[in-house]
Amino acid sequence: VEDDLLQEVLASSLDFDKDGLFVSDALQDIAHCNTYIVTVPTPTDKNN
């Protein structure tokens, strides 16, 4: 993501009343969401 595009949508605080992206490592911040999209990696081990 180009830095200017990221900065355009980036929100400095949590606000569900307007569009934008707030980033967090605190689980409680996503407690009021209703749609969860999981994009974590699914790797293989040394034996594939």
ModelCIF file with pLDDT and N, C-alpha, C, O atoms, coordinates in Angstrom:
data_MODEL
#
_entry.id   MODEL 
#
_entity.id                         1 
_entity.type                       polymer 
_entity.pdbx_number_of_molecules   1 
#
_entity_poly.entity_id                      1 
_entity_poly.type                           'polypeptide(L)' 
_entity_poly.nstd_linkage                   no 
_entity_poly.nstd_monomer                   no 
_entity_poly.pdbx_seq_one_letter_code       VEDDLLQEVLASSLDFDKDGLFVSDALQDIAHCNTYIVTVPTPTDKNN 
_entity_poly.pdbx_seq_one_letter_code_can   VEDDLLQEVLASSLDFDKDGLFVSDALQDIAHCNTYIVTVPTPTDKNN 
_entity_poly.pdbx_strand_id                 A 
#
loop_
_entity_poly_seq.entity_id 
_entity_poly_seq.num 
_entity_poly_seq.mon_id 
_entity_poly_seq.hetero 
1 1  VAL n 
1 2  GLU n 
1 3  ASP n 
1 4  ASP n 
1 5  LEU n 
1 6  LEU n 
1 7  GLN n 
1 8  GLU n 
1 9  VAL n 
1 10 LEU n 
1 11 ALA n 
1 12 SER n 
1 13 SER n 
1 14 LEU n 
1 15 ASP n 
1 16 PHE n 
1 17 ASP n 
1 18 LYS n 
1 19 ASP n 
1 20 GLY n 
1 21 LEU n 
1 22 PHE n 
1 23 VAL n 
1 24 SER n 
1 25 ASP n 
1 26 ALA n 
1 27 LEU n 
1 28 GLN n 
1 29 ASP n 
1 30 ILE n 
1 31 ALA n 
1 32 HIS n 
1 33 CYS n 
1 34 ASN n 
1 35 THR n 
1 36 TYR n 
1 37 ILE n 
1 38 VAL n 
1 39 THR n 
1 40 VAL n 
1 41 PRO n 
1 42 THR n 
1 43 PRO n 
1 44 THR n 
1 45 ASP n 
1 46 LYS n 
1 47 ASN n 
1 48 ASN n 
#
_struct_asym.id          A 
_struct_asym.entity_id   1 
#
loop_
_ma_qa_metric.id 
_ma_qa_metric.mode 
_ma_qa_metric.name 
_ma_qa_metric.software_group_id 
_ma_qa_metric.type 
1 global pLDDT . pLDDT 
2 local  pLDDT . pLDDT 
#
_ma_qa_metric_global.metric_id      1 
_ma_qa_metric_global.metric_value   93.02 
_ma_qa_metric_global.model_id       1 
_ma_qa_metric_global.ordinal_id     1 
#
loop_
_ma_qa_metric_local.label_asym_id 
_ma_qa_metric_local.label_comp_id 
_ma_qa_metric_local.label_seq_id 
_ma_qa_metric_local.metric_id 
_ma_qa_metric_local.metric_value 
_ma_qa_metric_local.model_id 
_ma_qa_metric_local.ordinal_id 
A VAL 1  2 93.00 1 1  
A GLU 2  2 93.00 1 2  
A ASP 3  2 94.00 1 3  
A ASP 4  2 95.00 1 4  
A LEU 5  2 94.00 1 5  
A LEU 6  2 96.00 1 6  
A GLN 7  2 96.00 1 7  
A GLU 8  2 96.00 1 8  
A VAL 9  2 95.00 1 9  
A LEU 10 2 96.00 1 10 
A ALA 11 2 93.00 1 11 
A SER 12 2 89.00 1 12 
A SER 13 2 90.00 1 13 
A LEU 14 2 88.00 1 14 
A ASP 15 2 88.00 1 15 
A PHE 16 2 89.00 1 16 
A ASP 17 2 89.00 1 17 
A LYS 18 2 90.00 1 18 
A ASP 19 2 94.00 1 19 
A GLY 20 2 95.00 1 20 
A LEU 21 2 97.00 1 21 
A PHE 22 2 97.00 1 22 
A VAL 23 2 97.00 1 23 
A SER 24 2 96.00 1 24 
A ASP 25 2 96.00 1 25 
A ALA 26 2 96.00 1 26 
A LEU 27 2 96.00 1 27 
A GLN 28 2 96.00 1 28 
A ASP 29 2 96.00 1 29 
A ILE 30 2 96.00 1 30 
A ALA 31 2 96.00 1 31 
A HIS 32 2 94.00 1 32 
A CYS 33 2 96.00 1 33 
A ASN 34 2 96.00 1 34 
A THR 35 2 97.00 1 35 
A TYR 36 2 98.00 1 36 
A ILE 37 2 98.00 1 37 
A VAL 38 2 97.00 1 38 
A THR 39 2 95.00 1 39 
A VAL 40 2 94.00 1 40 
A PRO 41 2 89.00 1 41 
A THR 42 2 89.00 1 42 
A PRO 43 2 87.00 1 43 
A THR 44 2 86.00 1 44 
A ASP 45 2 86.00 1 45 
A LYS 46 2 83.00 1 46 
A ASN 47 2 84.00 1 47 
A ASN 48 2 84.00 1 48 
#
loop_
_atom_site.group_PDB 
_atom_site.id 
_atom_site.type_symbol 
_atom_site.label_atom_id 
_atom_site.label_alt_id 
_atom_site.label_comp_id 
_atom_site.label_asym_id 
_atom_site.label_entity_id 
_atom_site.label_seq_id 
_atom_site.pdbx_PDB_ins_code 
_atom_site.Cartn_x 
_atom_site.Cartn_y 
_atom_site.Cartn_z 
_atom_site.occupancy 
_atom_site.B_iso_or_equiv 
_atom_site.pdbx_formal_charge 
_atom_site.auth_seq_id 
_atom_site.auth_comp_id 
_atom_site.auth_asym_id 
_atom_site.auth_atom_id 
_atom_site.pdbx_PDB_model_num 
ATOM 1   N N  . VAL A 1 1  ? 0.853   -1.188  0.000  1.00 93.00 ? 1  VAL A N  1 
ATOM 2   C CA . VAL A 1 1  ? 0.000   0.000   0.000  1.00 93.00 ? 1  VAL A CA 1 
ATOM 3   C C  . VAL A 1 1  ? 0.885   1.232   0.000  1.00 93.00 ? 1  VAL A C  1 
ATOM 4   O O  . VAL A 1 1  ? 1.765   1.373   0.850  1.00 93.00 ? 1  VAL A O  1 
ATOM 5   N N  . GLU A 1 2  ? 0.653   2.125   -0.953 1.00 93.00 ? 2  GLU A N  1 
ATOM 6   C CA . GLU A 1 2  ? 1.410   3.372   -0.987 1.00 93.00 ? 2  GLU A CA 1 
ATOM 7   C C  . GLU A 1 2  ? 1.160   4.162   0.295  1.00 93.00 ? 2  GLU A C  1 
ATOM 8   O O  . GLU A 1 2  ? 0.037   4.195   0.799  1.00 93.00 ? 2  GLU A O  1 
ATOM 9   N N  . ASP A 1 3  ? 2.199   4.792   0.815  1.00 94.00 ? 3  ASP A N  1 
ATOM 10  C CA . ASP A 1 3  ? 2.081   5.504   2.085  1.00 94.00 ? 3  ASP A CA 1 
ATOM 11  C C  . ASP A 1 3  ? 0.996   6.578   2.049  1.00 94.00 ? 3  ASP A C  1 
ATOM 12  O O  . ASP A 1 3  ? 0.279   6.762   3.033  1.00 94.00 ? 3  ASP A O  1 
ATOM 13  N N  . ASP A 1 4  ? 0.866   7.287   0.929  1.00 95.00 ? 4  ASP A N  1 
ATOM 14  C CA . ASP A 1 4  ? -0.152  8.338   0.857  1.00 95.00 ? 4  ASP A CA 1 
ATOM 15  C C  . ASP A 1 4  ? -1.555  7.759   0.884  1.00 95.00 ? 4  ASP A C  1 
ATOM 16  O O  . ASP A 1 4  ? -2.461  8.375   1.446  1.00 95.00 ? 4  ASP A O  1 
ATOM 17  N N  . LEU A 1 5  ? -1.758  6.577   0.281  1.00 94.00 ? 5  LEU A N  1 
ATOM 18  C CA . LEU A 1 5  ? -3.069  5.925   0.319  1.00 94.00 ? 5  LEU A CA 1 
ATOM 19  C C  . LEU A 1 5  ? -3.401  5.445   1.724  1.00 94.00 ? 5  LEU A C  1 
ATOM 20  O O  . LEU A 1 5  ? -4.538  5.560   2.181  1.00 94.00 ? 5  LEU A O  1 
ATOM 21  N N  . LEU A 1 6  ? -2.392  4.906   2.402  1.00 96.00 ? 6  LEU A N  1 
ATOM 22  C CA . LEU A 1 6  ? -2.589  4.466   3.785  1.00 96.00 ? 6  LEU A CA 1 
ATOM 23  C C  . LEU A 1 6  ? -2.951  5.646   4.669  1.00 96.00 ? 6  LEU A C  1 
ATOM 24  O O  . LEU A 1 6  ? -3.880  5.571   5.474  1.00 96.00 ? 6  LEU A O  1 
ATOM 25  N N  . GLN A 1 7  ? -2.223  6.719   4.517  1.00 96.00 ? 7  GLN A N  1 
ATOM 26  C CA . GLN A 1 7  ? -2.459  7.907   5.344  1.00 96.00 ? 7  GLN A CA 1 
ATOM 27  C C  . GLN A 1 7  ? -3.823  8.539   5.092  1.00 96.00 ? 7  GLN A C  1 
ATOM 28  O O  . GLN A 1 7  ? -4.398  9.151   5.993  1.00 96.00 ? 7  GLN A O  1 
ATOM 29  N N  . GLU A 1 8  ? -4.343  8.398   3.879  1.00 96.00 ? 8  GLU A N  1 
ATOM 30  C CA . GLU A 1 8  ? -5.663  8.949   3.547  1.00 96.00 ? 8  GLU A CA 1 
ATOM 31  C C  . GLU A 1 8  ? -6.777  8.312   4.363  1.00 96.00 ? 8  GLU A C  1 
ATOM 32  O O  . GLU A 1 8  ? -7.733  8.991   4.738  1.00 96.00 ? 8  GLU A O  1 
ATOM 33  N N  . VAL A 1 9  ? -6.669  7.013   4.645  1.00 95.00 ? 9  VAL A N  1 
ATOM 34  C CA . VAL A 1 9  ? -7.745  6.305   5.350  1.00 95.00 ? 9  VAL A CA 1 
ATOM 35  C C  . VAL A 1 9  ? -7.442  6.102   6.827  1.00 95.00 ? 9  VAL A C  1 
ATOM 36  O O  . VAL A 1 9  ? -8.324  5.714   7.593  1.00 95.00 ? 9  VAL A O  1 
ATOM 37  N N  . LEU A 1 10 ? -6.204  6.361   7.235  1.00 96.00 ? 10 LEU A N  1 
ATOM 38  C CA . LEU A 1 10 ? -5.780  6.055   8.601  1.00 96.00 ? 10 LEU A CA 1 
ATOM 39  C C  . LEU A 1 10 ? -6.483  6.955   9.615  1.00 96.00 ? 10 LEU A C  1 
ATOM 40  O O  . LEU A 1 10 ? -6.539  8.172   9.445  1.00 96.00 ? 10 LEU A O  1 
ATOM 41  N N  . ALA A 1 11 ? -7.014  6.344   10.664 1.00 93.00 ? 11 ALA A N  1 
ATOM 42  C CA . ALA A 1 11 ? -7.671  7.081   11.747 1.00 93.00 ? 11 ALA A CA 1 
ATOM 43  C C  . ALA A 1 11 ? -6.800  7.037   12.990 1.00 93.00 ? 11 ALA A C  1 
ATOM 44  O O  . ALA A 1 11 ? -6.199  6.007   13.296 1.00 93.00 ? 11 ALA A O  1 
ATOM 45  N N  . SER A 1 12 ? -6.730  8.132   13.696 1.00 89.00 ? 12 SER A N  1 
ATOM 46  C CA . SER A 1 12 ? -5.888  8.209   14.885 1.00 89.00 ? 12 SER A CA 1 
ATOM 47  C C  . SER A 1 12 ? -6.570  7.663   16.131 1.00 89.00 ? 12 SER A C  1 
ATOM 48  O O  . SER A 1 12 ? -5.914  7.406   17.141 1.00 89.00 ? 12 SER A O  1 
ATOM 49  N N  . SER A 1 13 ? -7.904  7.485   16.060 1.00 90.00 ? 13 SER A N  1 
ATOM 50  C CA . SER A 1 13 ? -8.640  6.965   17.204 1.00 90.00 ? 13 SER A CA 1 
ATOM 51  C C  . SER A 1 13 ? -9.775  6.063   16.733 1.00 90.00 ? 13 SER A C  1 
ATOM 52  O O  . SER A 1 13 ? -10.171 6.109   15.568 1.00 90.00 ? 13 SER A O  1 
ATOM 53  N N  . LEU A 1 14 ? -10.286 5.256   17.627 1.00 88.00 ? 14 LEU A N  1 
ATOM 54  C CA . LEU A 1 14 ? -11.363 4.321   17.316 1.00 88.00 ? 14 LEU A CA 1 
ATOM 55  C C  . LEU A 1 14 ? -12.693 5.061   17.232 1.00 88.00 ? 14 LEU A C  1 
ATOM 56  O O  . LEU A 1 14 ? -13.119 5.691   18.200 1.00 88.00 ? 14 LEU A O  1 
ATOM 57  N N  . ASP A 1 15 ? -13.350 4.985   16.070 1.00 88.00 ? 15 ASP A N  1 
ATOM 58  C CA . ASP A 1 15 ? -14.618 5.689   15.875 1.00 88.00 ? 15 ASP A CA 1 
ATOM 59  C C  . ASP A 1 15 ? -15.474 4.906   14.877 1.00 88.00 ? 15 ASP A C  1 
ATOM 60  O O  . ASP A 1 15 ? -15.174 4.872   13.684 1.00 88.00 ? 15 ASP A O  1 
ATOM 61  N N  . PHE A 1 16 ? -16.538 4.280   15.376 1.00 89.00 ? 16 PHE A N  1 
ATOM 62  C CA . PHE A 1 16 ? -17.413 3.495   14.519 1.00 89.00 ? 16 PHE A CA 1 
ATOM 63  C C  . PHE A 1 16 ? -18.470 4.338   13.802 1.00 89.00 ? 16 PHE A C  1 
ATOM 64  O O  . PHE A 1 16 ? -19.292 3.803   13.058 1.00 89.00 ? 16 PHE A O  1 
ATOM 65  N N  . ASP A 1 17 ? -18.450 5.632   14.020 1.00 89.00 ? 17 ASP A N  1 
ATOM 66  C CA . ASP A 1 17 ? -19.434 6.513   13.384 1.00 89.00 ? 17 ASP A CA 1 
ATOM 67  C C  . ASP A 1 17 ? -18.974 7.048   12.041 1.00 89.00 ? 17 ASP A C  1 
ATOM 68  O O  . ASP A 1 17 ? -19.730 7.736   11.355 1.00 89.00 ? 17 ASP A O  1 
ATOM 69  N N  . LYS A 1 18 ? -17.715 6.733   11.649 1.00 90.00 ? 18 LYS A N  1 
ATOM 70  C CA . LYS A 1 18 ? -17.256 7.209   10.353 1.00 90.00 ? 18 LYS A CA 1 
ATOM 71  C C  . LYS A 1 18 ? -16.302 6.194   9.728  1.00 90.00 ? 18 LYS A C  1 
ATOM 72  O O  . LYS A 1 18 ? -15.693 5.382   10.423 1.00 90.00 ? 18 LYS A O  1 
ATOM 73  N N  . ASP A 1 19 ? -16.188 6.258   8.411  1.00 94.00 ? 19 ASP A N  1 
ATOM 74  C CA . ASP A 1 19 ? -15.297 5.361   7.688  1.00 94.00 ? 19 ASP A CA 1 
ATOM 75  C C  . ASP A 1 19 ? -13.842 5.676   8.014  1.00 94.00 ? 19 ASP A C  1 
ATOM 76  O O  . ASP A 1 19 ? -13.516 6.784   8.439  1.00 94.00 ? 19 ASP A O  1 
ATOM 77  N N  . GLY A 1 20 ? -12.990 4.708   7.815  1.00 95.00 ? 20 GLY A N  1 
ATOM 78  C CA . GLY A 1 20 ? -11.566 4.903   8.069  1.00 95.00 ? 20 GLY A CA 1 
ATOM 79  C C  . GLY A 1 20 ? -10.961 3.665   8.685  1.00 95.00 ? 20 GLY A C  1 
ATOM 80  O O  . GLY A 1 20 ? -11.672 2.735   9.067  1.00 95.00 ? 20 GLY A O  1 
ATOM 81  N N  . LEU A 1 21 ? -9.634  3.655   8.781  1.00 97.00 ? 21 LEU A N  1 
ATOM 82  C CA . LEU A 1 21 ? -8.901  2.503   9.291  1.00 97.00 ? 21 LEU A CA 1 
ATOM 83  C C  . LEU A 1 21 ? -8.165  2.852   10.575 1.00 97.00 ? 21 LEU A C  1 
ATOM 84  O O  . LEU A 1 21 ? -7.308  3.736   10.596 1.00 97.00 ? 21 LEU A O  1 
ATOM 85  N N  . PHE A 1 22 ? -8.507  2.152   11.634 1.00 97.00 ? 22 PHE A N  1 
ATOM 86  C CA . PHE A 1 22 ? -7.786  2.239   12.893 1.00 97.00 ? 22 PHE A CA 1 
ATOM 87  C C  . PHE A 1 22 ? -7.056  0.918   13.098 1.00 97.00 ? 22 PHE A C  1 
ATOM 88  O O  . PHE A 1 22 ? -7.663  -0.148  12.994 1.00 97.00 ? 22 PHE A O  1 
ATOM 89  N N  . VAL A 1 23 ? -5.767  0.977   13.388 1.00 97.00 ? 23 VAL A N  1 
ATOM 90  C CA . VAL A 1 23 ? -4.991  -0.251  13.570 1.00 97.00 ? 23 VAL A CA 1 
ATOM 91  C C  . VAL A 1 23 ? -4.677  -0.447  15.043 1.00 97.00 ? 23 VAL A C  1 
ATOM 92  O O  . VAL A 1 23 ? -4.431  0.512   15.774 1.00 97.00 ? 23 VAL A O  1 
ATOM 93  N N  . SER A 1 24 ? -4.689  -1.713  15.469 1.00 96.00 ? 24 SER A N  1 
ATOM 94  C CA . SER A 1 24 ? -4.535  -1.994  16.897 1.00 96.00 ? 24 SER A CA 1 
ATOM 95  C C  . SER A 1 24 ? -4.032  -3.413  17.123 1.00 96.00 ? 24 SER A C  1 
ATOM 96  O O  . SER A 1 24 ? -4.244  -4.301  16.297 1.00 96.00 ? 24 SER A O  1 
ATOM 97  N N  . ASP A 1 25 ? -3.364  -3.611  18.252 1.00 96.00 ? 25 ASP A N  1 
ATOM 98  C CA . ASP A 1 25 ? -2.986  -4.943  18.704 1.00 96.00 ? 25 ASP A CA 1 
ATOM 99  C C  . ASP A 1 25 ? -3.768  -5.339  19.956 1.00 96.00 ? 25 ASP A C  1 
ATOM 100 O O  . ASP A 1 25 ? -3.461  -6.346  20.593 1.00 96.00 ? 25 ASP A O  1 
ATOM 101 N N  . ALA A 1 26 ? -4.782  -4.538  20.303 1.00 96.00 ? 26 ALA A N  1 
ATOM 102 C CA . ALA A 1 26 ? -5.611  -4.790  21.492 1.00 96.00 ? 26 ALA A CA 1 
ATOM 103 C C  . ALA A 1 26 ? -6.916  -5.457  21.080 1.00 96.00 ? 26 ALA A C  1 
ATOM 104 O O  . ALA A 1 26 ? -7.702  -4.888  20.323 1.00 96.00 ? 26 ALA A O  1 
ATOM 105 N N  . LEU A 1 27 ? -7.138  -6.653  21.578 1.00 96.00 ? 27 LEU A N  1 
ATOM 106 C CA . LEU A 1 27 ? -8.309  -7.430  21.183 1.00 96.00 ? 27 LEU A CA 1 
ATOM 107 C C  . LEU A 1 27 ? -9.617  -6.717  21.515 1.00 96.00 ? 27 LEU A C  1 
ATOM 108 O O  . LEU A 1 27 ? -10.591 -6.837  20.772 1.00 96.00 ? 27 LEU A O  1 
ATOM 109 N N  . GLN A 1 28 ? -9.647  -5.978  22.619 1.00 96.00 ? 28 GLN A N  1 
ATOM 110 C CA . GLN A 1 28 ? -10.893 -5.315  23.015 1.00 96.00 ? 28 GLN A CA 1 
ATOM 111 C C  . GLN A 1 28 ? -11.348 -4.281  21.991 1.00 96.00 ? 28 GLN A C  1 
ATOM 112 O O  . GLN A 1 28 ? -12.526 -3.923  21.950 1.00 96.00 ? 28 GLN A O  1 
ATOM 113 N N  . ASP A 1 29 ? -10.416 -3.795  21.158 1.00 96.00 ? 29 ASP A N  1 
ATOM 114 C CA . ASP A 1 29 ? -10.775 -2.781  20.162 1.00 96.00 ? 29 ASP A CA 1 
ATOM 115 C C  . ASP A 1 29 ? -11.679 -3.335  19.063 1.00 96.00 ? 29 ASP A C  1 
ATOM 116 O O  . ASP A 1 29 ? -12.401 -2.576  18.417 1.00 96.00 ? 29 ASP A O  1 
ATOM 117 N N  . ILE A 1 30 ? -11.644 -4.658  18.843 1.00 96.00 ? 30 ILE A N  1 
ATOM 118 C CA . ILE A 1 30 ? -12.488 -5.227  17.797 1.00 96.00 ? 30 ILE A CA 1 
ATOM 119 C C  . ILE A 1 30 ? -13.776 -5.841  18.351 1.00 96.00 ? 30 ILE A C  1 
ATOM 120 O O  . ILE A 1 30 ? -14.544 -6.455  17.611 1.00 96.00 ? 30 ILE A O  1 
ATOM 121 N N  . ALA A 1 31 ? -14.006 -5.671  19.653 1.00 96.00 ? 31 ALA A N  1 
ATOM 122 C CA . ALA A 1 31 ? -15.156 -6.307  20.304 1.00 96.00 ? 31 ALA A CA 1 
ATOM 123 C C  . ALA A 1 31 ? -16.493 -5.796  19.777 1.00 96.00 ? 31 ALA A C  1 
ATOM 124 O O  . ALA A 1 31 ? -17.491 -6.515  19.831 1.00 96.00 ? 31 ALA A O  1 
ATOM 125 N N  . HIS A 1 32 ? -16.526 -4.571  19.273 1.00 94.00 ? 32 HIS A N  1 
ATOM 126 C CA . HIS A 1 32 ? -17.783 -3.995  18.800 1.00 94.00 ? 32 HIS A CA 1 
ATOM 127 C C  . HIS A 1 32 ? -17.969 -4.134  17.291 1.00 94.00 ? 32 HIS A C  1 
ATOM 128 O O  . HIS A 1 32 ? -18.916 -3.579  16.732 1.00 94.00 ? 32 HIS A O  1 
ATOM 129 N N  . CYS A 1 33 ? -17.091 -4.858  16.637 1.00 96.00 ? 33 CYS A N  1 
ATOM 130 C CA . CYS A 1 33 ? -17.260 -5.128  15.212 1.00 96.00 ? 33 CYS A CA 1 
ATOM 131 C C  . CYS A 1 33 ? -18.310 -6.211  15.014 1.00 96.00 ? 33 CYS A C  1 
ATOM 132 O O  . CYS A 1 33 ? -18.627 -6.948  15.948 1.00 96.00 ? 33 CYS A O  1 
ATOM 133 N N  . ASN A 1 34 ? -18.846 -6.309  13.814 1.00 96.00 ? 34 ASN A N  1 
ATOM 134 C CA . ASN A 1 34 ? -19.818 -7.367  13.521 1.00 96.00 ? 34 ASN A CA 1 
ATOM 135 C C  . ASN A 1 34 ? -19.418 -8.213  12.312 1.00 96.00 ? 34 ASN A C  1 
ATOM 136 O O  . ASN A 1 34 ? -20.088 -9.195  11.989 1.00 96.00 ? 34 ASN A O  1 
ATOM 137 N N  . THR A 1 35 ? -18.339 -7.836  11.651 1.00 97.00 ? 35 THR A N  1 
ATOM 138 C CA . THR A 1 35 ? -17.836 -8.587  10.511 1.00 97.00 ? 35 THR A CA 1 
ATOM 139 C C  . THR A 1 35 ? -16.331 -8.757  10.666 1.00 97.00 ? 35 THR A C  1 
ATOM 140 O O  . THR A 1 35 ? -15.587 -7.776  10.650 1.00 97.00 ? 35 THR A O  1 
ATOM 141 N N  . TYR A 1 36 ? -15.883 -9.998  10.816 1.00 98.00 ? 36 TYR A N  1 
ATOM 142 C CA . TYR A 1 36 ? -14.481 -10.299 11.060 1.00 98.00 ? 36 TYR A CA 1 
ATOM 143 C C  . TYR A 1 36 ? -13.903 -11.023 9.839  1.00 98.00 ? 36 TYR A C  1 
ATOM 144 O O  . TYR A 1 36 ? -14.428 -12.047 9.403  1.00 98.00 ? 36 TYR A O  1 
ATOM 145 N N  . ILE A 1 37 ? -12.821 -10.475 9.302  1.00 98.00 ? 37 ILE A N  1 
ATOM 146 C CA . ILE A 1 37 ? -12.196 -11.061 8.119  1.00 98.00 ? 37 ILE A CA 1 
ATOM 147 C C  . ILE A 1 37 ? -10.793 -11.518 8.487  1.00 98.00 ? 37 ILE A C  1 
ATOM 148 O O  . ILE A 1 37 ? -9.939  -10.706 8.843  1.00 98.00 ? 37 ILE A O  1 
ATOM 149 N N  . VAL A 1 38 ? -10.561 -12.816 8.399  1.00 97.00 ? 38 VAL A N  1 
ATOM 150 C CA . VAL A 1 38 ? -9.314  -13.426 8.854  1.00 97.00 ? 38 VAL A CA 1 
ATOM 151 C C  . VAL A 1 38 ? -8.375  -13.618 7.672  1.00 97.00 ? 38 VAL A C  1 
ATOM 152 O O  . VAL A 1 38 ? -8.709  -14.317 6.715  1.00 97.00 ? 38 VAL A O  1 
ATOM 153 N N  . THR A 1 39 ? -7.196  -12.996 7.738  1.00 95.00 ? 39 THR A N  1 
ATOM 154 C CA . THR A 1 39 ? -6.228  -13.057 6.639  1.00 95.00 ? 39 THR A CA 1 
ATOM 155 C C  . THR A 1 39 ? -4.855  -13.522 7.098  1.00 95.00 ? 39 THR A C  1 
ATOM 156 O O  . THR A 1 39 ? -3.847  -13.168 6.487  1.00 95.00 ? 39 THR A O  1 
ATOM 157 N N  . VAL A 1 40 ? -4.802  -14.311 8.166  1.00 94.00 ? 40 VAL A N  1 
ATOM 158 C CA . VAL A 1 40 ? -3.517  -14.761 8.699  1.00 94.00 ? 40 VAL A CA 1 
ATOM 159 C C  . VAL A 1 40 ? -2.889  -15.795 7.772  1.00 94.00 ? 40 VAL A C  1 
ATOM 160 O O  . VAL A 1 40 ? -3.597  -16.435 6.995  1.00 94.00 ? 40 VAL A O  1 
ATOM 161 N N  . PRO A 1 41 ? -1.561  -15.967 7.843  1.00 89.00 ? 41 PRO A N  1 
ATOM 162 C CA . PRO A 1 41 ? -0.900  -16.941 6.964  1.00 89.00 ? 41 PRO A CA 1 
ATOM 163 C C  . PRO A 1 41 ? -1.213  -18.377 7.350  1.00 89.00 ? 41 PRO A C  1 
ATOM 164 O O  . PRO A 1 41 ? -1.523  -18.673 8.504  1.00 89.00 ? 41 PRO A O  1 
ATOM 165 N N  . THR A 1 42 ? -1.127  -19.261 6.369  1.00 89.00 ? 42 THR A N  1 
ATOM 166 C CA . THR A 1 42 ? -1.262  -20.700 6.607  1.00 89.00 ? 42 THR A CA 1 
ATOM 167 C C  . THR A 1 42 ? -0.053  -21.386 5.979  1.00 89.00 ? 42 THR A C  1 
ATOM 168 O O  . THR A 1 42 ? -0.118  -21.825 4.831  1.00 89.00 ? 42 THR A O  1 
ATOM 169 N N  . PRO A 1 43 ? 1.040   -21.481 6.718  1.00 87.00 ? 43 PRO A N  1 
ATOM 170 C CA . PRO A 1 43 ? 2.284   -22.023 6.175  1.00 87.00 ? 43 PRO A CA 1 
ATOM 171 C C  . PRO A 1 43 ? 2.316   -23.553 6.197  1.00 87.00 ? 43 PRO A C  1 
ATOM 172 O O  . PRO A 1 43 ? 1.331   -24.209 6.535  1.00 87.00 ? 43 PRO A O  1 
ATOM 173 N N  . THR A 1 44 ? 3.463   -24.091 5.831  1.00 86.00 ? 44 THR A N  1 
ATOM 174 C CA . THR A 1 44 ? 3.729   -25.521 5.985  1.00 86.00 ? 44 THR A CA 1 
ATOM 175 C C  . THR A 1 44 ? 4.950   -25.692 6.875  1.00 86.00 ? 44 THR A C  1 
ATOM 176 O O  . THR A 1 44 ? 5.759   -24.775 7.013  1.00 86.00 ? 44 THR A O  1 
ATOM 177 N N  . ASP A 1 45 ? 5.082   -26.885 7.487  1.00 86.00 ? 45 ASP A N  1 
ATOM 178 C CA . ASP A 1 45 ? 6.250   -27.147 8.326  1.00 86.00 ? 45 ASP A CA 1 
ATOM 179 C C  . ASP A 1 45 ? 7.400   -27.662 7.483  1.00 86.00 ? 45 ASP A C  1 
ATOM 180 O O  . ASP A 1 45 ? 7.315   -27.681 6.256  1.00 86.00 ? 45 ASP A O  1 
ATOM 181 N N  . LYS A 1 46 ? 8.489   -28.086 8.141  1.00 83.00 ? 46 LYS A N  1 
ATOM 182 C CA . LYS A 1 46 ? 9.681   -28.527 7.420  1.00 83.00 ? 46 LYS A CA 1 
ATOM 183 C C  . LYS A 1 46 ? 9.433   -29.769 6.577  1.00 83.00 ? 46 LYS A C  1 
ATOM 184 O O  . LYS A 1 46 ? 10.196  -30.069 5.659  1.00 83.00 ? 46 LYS A O  1 
ATOM 185 N N  . ASN A 1 47 ? 8.359   -30.490 6.895  1.00 84.00 ? 47 ASN A N  1 
ATOM 186 C CA . ASN A 1 47 ? 7.985   -31.668 6.120  1.00 84.00 ? 47 ASN A CA 1 
ATOM 187 C C  . ASN A 1 47 ? 6.859   -31.368 5.128  1.00 84.00 ? 47 ASN A C  1 
ATOM 188 O O  . ASN A 1 47 ? 6.248   -32.280 4.571  1.00 84.00 ? 47 ASN A O  1 
ATOM 189 N N  . ASN A 1 48 ? 6.595   -30.071 4.917  1.00 84.00 ? 48 ASN A N  1 
ATOM 190 C CA . ASN A 1 48 ? 5.580   -29.597 3.976  1.00 84.00 ? 48 ASN A CA 1 
ATOM 191 C C  . ASN A 1 48 ? 4.154   -29.975 4.348  1.00 84.00 ? 48 ASN A C  1 
ATOM 192 O O  . ASN A 1 48 ? 3.216   -29.630 3.630  1.00 84.00 ? 48 ASN A O  1 
#
